[in-house]
Amino acid sequence: MNKHKTRKSAVKRFKVTKNKKVLHRSHGARHLKSKKGKKRLRHLKQIKQMHGMHKKKILKMLGR
């Protein structure tokens, strides 16, 4: 059986903790910031956790 290759794009975007939590940064905080409120930008800066089927797919992409 072949080895499962990790997707390098996923490695750059997601981090997996030792308890298999998948962490990611929010999208939408890179440009056009002047039209977004301060509260909205604060929430976009936070690192968030993936849930459900998204988490399973990402773990598979990372080879875990």
N, C-alpha and C. Protein backbone atom coordinates (compact mmCIF):
# COMPACT_ATOMS: atom_id res chain seq x y z
N MET A 1 0.84 -1.19 0.00
CA MET A 1 0.00 0.00 0.00
C MET A 1 0.88 1.25 0.00
N ASN A 2 0.46 2.25 -0.73
CA ASN A 2 1.25 3.47 -0.87
C ASN A 2 1.18 4.32 0.39
N LYS A 3 2.21 5.14 0.57
CA LYS A 3 2.20 6.10 1.67
C LYS A 3 1.25 7.23 1.35
N HIS A 4 0.66 7.80 2.39
CA HIS A 4 -0.26 8.92 2.21
C HIS A 4 0.53 10.22 2.29
N LYS A 5 0.51 11.00 1.22
CA LYS A 5 1.24 12.27 1.21
C LYS A 5 0.43 13.35 1.90
N THR A 6 1.10 14.21 2.65
CA THR A 6 0.41 15.34 3.27
C THR A 6 0.28 16.46 2.25
N ARG A 7 -0.79 17.20 2.38
CA ARG A 7 -0.98 18.35 1.49
C ARG A 7 -0.28 19.54 2.12
N LYS A 8 0.69 20.07 1.42
CA LYS A 8 1.51 21.16 1.96
C LYS A 8 0.69 22.42 2.19
N SER A 9 -0.36 22.64 1.40
CA SER A 9 -1.20 23.81 1.61
C SER A 9 -1.92 23.71 2.95
N ALA A 10 -2.31 22.50 3.33
CA ALA A 10 -2.99 22.30 4.61
C ALA A 10 -2.02 22.47 5.78
N VAL A 11 -0.78 22.05 5.59
CA VAL A 11 0.23 22.18 6.65
C VAL A 11 0.45 23.65 6.98
N LYS A 12 0.41 24.50 5.95
CA LYS A 12 0.65 25.93 6.16
C LYS A 12 -0.52 26.62 6.84
N ARG A 13 -1.72 26.09 6.69
CA ARG A 13 -2.92 26.77 7.18
C ARG A 13 -3.44 26.27 8.52
N PHE A 14 -3.16 25.02 8.86
CA PHE A 14 -3.75 24.42 10.04
C PHE A 14 -2.70 23.89 10.99
N LYS A 15 -3.05 23.86 12.28
CA LYS A 15 -2.18 23.29 13.30
C LYS A 15 -2.99 22.29 14.09
N VAL A 16 -2.40 21.12 14.38
CA VAL A 16 -3.09 20.09 15.15
C VAL A 16 -2.42 19.99 16.51
N THR A 17 -3.23 20.07 17.57
CA THR A 17 -2.70 19.94 18.92
C THR A 17 -2.56 18.47 19.26
N LYS A 18 -1.99 18.16 20.43
CA LYS A 18 -1.80 16.76 20.78
C LYS A 18 -3.11 16.05 21.09
N ASN A 19 -4.16 16.80 21.38
CA ASN A 19 -5.48 16.20 21.61
C ASN A 19 -6.33 16.18 20.34
N LYS A 20 -5.67 16.30 19.16
CA LYS A 20 -6.33 16.25 17.85
C LYS A 20 -7.30 17.40 17.61
N LYS A 21 -7.07 18.55 18.24
CA LYS A 21 -7.85 19.74 17.91
C LYS A 21 -7.19 20.40 16.71
N VAL A 22 -8.00 20.85 15.76
CA VAL A 22 -7.48 21.50 14.55
C VAL A 22 -7.72 22.99 14.68
N LEU A 23 -6.64 23.78 14.67
CA LEU A 23 -6.72 25.22 14.82
C LEU A 23 -6.43 25.90 13.49
N HIS A 24 -7.07 27.05 13.27
CA HIS A 24 -6.86 27.80 12.03
C HIS A 24 -7.08 29.28 12.30
N ARG A 25 -6.58 30.12 11.40
CA ARG A 25 -6.81 31.56 11.46
C ARG A 25 -8.00 31.91 10.62
N SER A 26 -8.73 32.92 11.01
CA SER A 26 -9.92 33.34 10.27
C SER A 26 -9.54 34.00 8.96
N HIS A 27 -10.42 33.87 7.98
CA HIS A 27 -10.20 34.56 6.71
C HIS A 27 -10.89 35.92 6.78
N GLY A 28 -10.46 36.83 5.93
CA GLY A 28 -11.10 38.14 5.85
C GLY A 28 -10.41 39.23 6.65
N ALA A 29 -9.22 38.97 7.17
CA ALA A 29 -8.54 39.98 7.99
C ALA A 29 -7.26 40.48 7.32
N ARG A 30 -7.10 40.26 6.04
CA ARG A 30 -5.86 40.62 5.37
C ARG A 30 -5.91 42.00 4.71
N HIS A 31 -7.02 42.32 4.06
CA HIS A 31 -7.10 43.60 3.36
C HIS A 31 -8.51 44.14 3.46
N LEU A 32 -8.70 45.36 2.96
CA LEU A 32 -9.97 46.09 3.05
C LEU A 32 -10.42 46.22 4.51
N LYS A 33 -9.48 46.58 5.36
CA LYS A 33 -9.78 46.66 6.80
C LYS A 33 -10.52 47.92 7.19
N SER A 34 -10.43 48.95 6.36
CA SER A 34 -11.03 50.23 6.75
C SER A 34 -12.55 50.16 6.83
N LYS A 35 -13.16 49.29 6.04
CA LYS A 35 -14.62 49.18 6.07
C LYS A 35 -15.12 48.24 7.17
N LYS A 36 -14.22 47.49 7.81
CA LYS A 36 -14.61 46.57 8.87
C LYS A 36 -14.45 47.24 10.23
N GLY A 37 -15.34 46.91 11.11
CA GLY A 37 -15.30 47.51 12.44
C GLY A 37 -14.17 46.96 13.29
N LYS A 38 -13.81 47.68 14.34
CA LYS A 38 -12.73 47.26 15.23
C LYS A 38 -13.06 45.95 15.92
N LYS A 39 -14.31 45.81 16.35
CA LYS A 39 -14.73 44.59 17.03
C LYS A 39 -14.63 43.38 16.09
N ARG A 40 -15.06 43.59 14.85
CA ARG A 40 -15.02 42.52 13.85
C ARG A 40 -13.58 42.09 13.58
N LEU A 41 -12.67 43.07 13.47
CA LEU A 41 -11.26 42.74 13.22
C LEU A 41 -10.63 42.02 14.41
N ARG A 42 -11.02 42.42 15.62
CA ARG A 42 -10.51 41.73 16.81
C ARG A 42 -10.92 40.26 16.79
N HIS A 43 -12.15 39.98 16.43
CA HIS A 43 -12.62 38.60 16.38
C HIS A 43 -11.98 37.82 15.24
N LEU A 44 -11.66 38.50 14.14
CA LEU A 44 -11.01 37.82 13.02
C LEU A 44 -9.56 37.47 13.33
N LYS A 45 -8.92 38.17 14.25
CA LYS A 45 -7.53 37.88 14.61
C LYS A 45 -7.39 36.62 15.45
N GLN A 46 -8.46 36.22 16.12
CA GLN A 46 -8.39 35.08 17.03
C GLN A 46 -8.20 33.78 16.27
N ILE A 47 -7.50 32.85 16.90
CA ILE A 47 -7.31 31.52 16.33
C ILE A 47 -8.52 30.70 16.72
N LYS A 48 -9.13 30.04 15.73
CA LYS A 48 -10.36 29.30 15.97
C LYS A 48 -10.14 27.80 15.78
N GLN A 49 -11.12 27.03 16.23
CA GLN A 49 -11.05 25.58 16.18
C GLN A 49 -12.03 25.04 15.14
N MET A 50 -11.60 24.03 14.38
CA MET A 50 -12.47 23.41 13.39
C MET A 50 -13.33 22.34 14.06
N HIS A 51 -14.54 22.11 13.51
CA HIS A 51 -15.46 21.12 14.06
C HIS A 51 -16.03 20.26 12.95
N GLY A 52 -16.55 19.10 13.34
CA GLY A 52 -17.34 18.25 12.45
C GLY A 52 -16.57 17.67 11.28
N MET A 53 -17.25 17.61 10.14
CA MET A 53 -16.67 16.99 8.95
C MET A 53 -15.45 17.75 8.43
N HIS A 54 -15.41 19.07 8.63
CA HIS A 54 -14.25 19.84 8.20
C HIS A 54 -13.00 19.34 8.93
N LYS A 55 -13.15 19.08 10.21
CA LYS A 55 -12.02 18.61 11.02
C LYS A 55 -11.52 17.26 10.51
N LYS A 56 -12.43 16.35 10.20
CA LYS A 56 -12.05 15.03 9.72
C LYS A 56 -11.31 15.11 8.38
N LYS A 57 -11.80 15.98 7.49
CA LYS A 57 -11.17 16.12 6.18
C LYS A 57 -9.77 16.70 6.31
N ILE A 58 -9.61 17.67 7.20
CA ILE A 58 -8.30 18.32 7.39
C ILE A 58 -7.31 17.34 8.00
N LEU A 59 -7.76 16.56 8.98
CA LEU A 59 -6.87 15.56 9.57
C LEU A 59 -6.42 14.55 8.51
N LYS A 60 -7.30 14.20 7.58
CA LYS A 60 -6.94 13.28 6.52
C LYS A 60 -5.92 13.92 5.58
N MET A 61 -6.10 15.23 5.28
CA MET A 61 -5.16 15.94 4.43
C MET A 61 -3.77 16.02 5.07
N LEU A 62 -3.75 16.10 6.40
CA LEU A 62 -2.47 16.20 7.11
C LEU A 62 -1.85 14.84 7.39
N GLY A 63 -2.53 13.78 7.01
CA GLY A 63 -1.98 12.44 7.18
C GLY A 63 -2.06 11.94 8.59
N ARG A 64 -3.12 12.28 9.31
CA ARG A 64 -3.27 11.83 10.71
C ARG A 64 -4.50 11.01 10.88
